[in-house]
Amino acid sequence: MFHCADTMENAEDGSPVRYYESVDLVDAVHPQTILAYEMNGQPLKVEHGAPLRLRVERQLGYKMAKYVMRIEAVASFDEIGGGKGGYWEDNGYAWYAGI
């Protein structure tokens, strides 16, 4: 799980909720997946997702979390948000977003 600093709107009641996303271990250790803290040799700027941005090149854009503050290995999504693995997944998107 990637827990982020930005907030989104809770679809049920409109309250703010911290953005969160997940990938499986296959994508997490894939050579094209990176956690970026720099861009072009410079520290990553906030407008590009600082302090840390997830890039999962084999997945669609909503899997590429920005403003990552905490990373957590979990056995289940049951206790996180709506239990489907991410903010967008809890709001109807597919968990696996491969391209």
Protein backbone atom coordinates (compact mmCIF):
# COMPACT_ATOMS: atom_id res chain seq x y z
CA MET A 1 0.00 0.00 0.00
CA PHE A 2 1.16 3.49 -0.82
CA HIS A 3 -0.26 6.09 1.55
CA CYS A 4 -0.11 9.63 0.18
CA ALA A 5 -0.25 13.20 1.48
CA ASP A 6 -2.94 14.44 -0.91
CA THR A 7 -6.62 14.23 -0.08
CA MET A 8 -9.53 13.19 -2.23
CA GLU A 9 -13.27 13.36 -1.63
CA ASN A 10 -15.03 10.41 -0.03
CA ALA A 11 -17.66 9.31 -2.57
CA GLU A 12 -20.15 8.40 0.17
CA ASP A 13 -20.22 11.58 2.26
CA GLY A 14 -17.86 14.09 0.61
CA SER A 15 -15.45 14.11 3.54
CA PRO A 16 -11.72 14.28 2.81
CA VAL A 17 -9.80 11.00 2.62
CA ARG A 18 -6.06 10.50 2.10
CA TYR A 19 -5.17 9.03 -1.28
CA TYR A 20 -3.95 5.42 -1.21
CA GLU A 21 -3.01 2.90 -3.90
CA SER A 22 -1.53 -0.58 -4.19
CA VAL A 23 0.27 -2.89 -6.58
CA ASP A 24 1.10 -6.58 -6.34
CA LEU A 25 4.62 -7.83 -5.67
CA VAL A 26 5.13 -8.72 -9.35
CA ASP A 27 4.71 -5.08 -10.36
CA ALA A 28 6.45 -3.78 -7.24
CA VAL A 29 9.72 -5.54 -8.11
CA HIS A 30 9.44 -5.17 -11.89
CA PRO A 31 12.49 -3.40 -13.42
CA GLN A 32 10.25 -0.68 -14.90
CA THR A 33 8.69 0.20 -11.54
CA ILE A 34 10.44 2.98 -9.66
CA LEU A 35 10.00 5.20 -6.63
CA ALA A 36 11.21 8.57 -7.86
CA TYR A 37 12.72 11.13 -5.50
CA GLU A 38 14.62 12.97 -8.23
CA MET A 39 13.89 14.18 -11.74
CA ASN A 40 16.65 15.14 -14.18
CA GLY A 41 19.23 14.97 -11.38
CA GLN A 42 17.33 17.41 -9.15
CA PRO A 43 15.13 16.72 -6.11
CA LEU A 44 11.55 15.95 -7.15
CA LYS A 45 9.33 19.03 -6.95
CA VAL A 46 5.90 19.06 -5.34
CA GLU A 47 4.20 19.61 -8.71
CA HIS A 48 5.72 16.30 -9.84
CA GLY A 49 4.76 14.35 -6.71
CA ALA A 50 7.46 15.06 -4.08
CA PRO A 51 8.61 13.74 -1.72
CA LEU A 52 8.26 10.38 -3.49
CA ARG A 53 6.34 9.30 -6.57
CA LEU A 54 5.47 5.78 -7.65
CA ARG A 55 5.92 5.00 -11.35
CA VAL A 56 4.42 1.69 -12.49
CA GLU A 57 5.01 1.76 -16.22
CA ARG A 58 2.99 -1.44 -16.83
CA GLN A 59 -0.16 0.09 -15.28
CA LEU A 60 -2.50 2.97 -16.09
CA GLY A 61 -1.87 6.40 -14.60
CA TYR A 62 -4.11 6.16 -11.55
CA LYS A 63 -1.76 3.49 -10.16
CA MET A 64 1.14 6.00 -10.14
CA ALA A 65 0.71 7.53 -6.71
CA LYS A 66 2.19 10.97 -5.97
CA TYR A 67 3.15 12.51 -2.62
CA VAL A 68 3.93 9.06 -1.14
CA MET A 69 4.43 9.39 2.61
CA ARG A 70 4.32 5.76 3.76
CA ILE A 71 4.64 2.31 2.20
CA GLU A 72 3.04 -0.70 3.85
CA ALA A 73 3.08 -4.42 2.98
CA VAL A 74 -0.36 -5.92 3.63
CA ALA A 75 -1.87 -9.38 3.31
CA SER A 76 -5.37 -8.01 2.63
CA PHE A 77 -7.12 -4.80 1.66
CA ASP A 78 -10.09 -5.52 3.94
CA GLU A 79 -9.23 -2.88 6.57
CA ILE A 80 -8.05 -0.17 4.13
CA GLY A 81 -10.58 2.27 2.73
CA GLY A 82 -13.37 0.40 0.97
CA GLY A 83 -11.33 -2.80 0.87
CA LYS A 84 -10.59 -2.89 -2.88
CA GLY A 85 -6.94 -1.81 -2.91
CA GLY A 86 -6.98 1.90 -3.65
CA TYR A 87 -8.95 5.13 -3.74
CA TRP A 88 -10.05 4.74 -7.37
CA GLU A 89 -10.69 1.02 -6.98
CA ASP A 90 -13.03 1.79 -4.07
CA ASN A 91 -14.84 4.12 -6.46
CA GLY A 92 -15.41 1.65 -9.32
CA TYR A 93 -12.10 1.34 -11.17
CA ALA A 94 -10.41 -2.03 -11.75
CA TRP A 95 -7.64 -2.97 -9.29
CA TYR A 96 -5.45 -4.38 -12.06
CA ALA A 97 -4.94 -1.63 -14.64
CA GLY A 98 -2.36 -3.24 -16.90
CA ILE A 99 -1.53 -1.90 -20.33
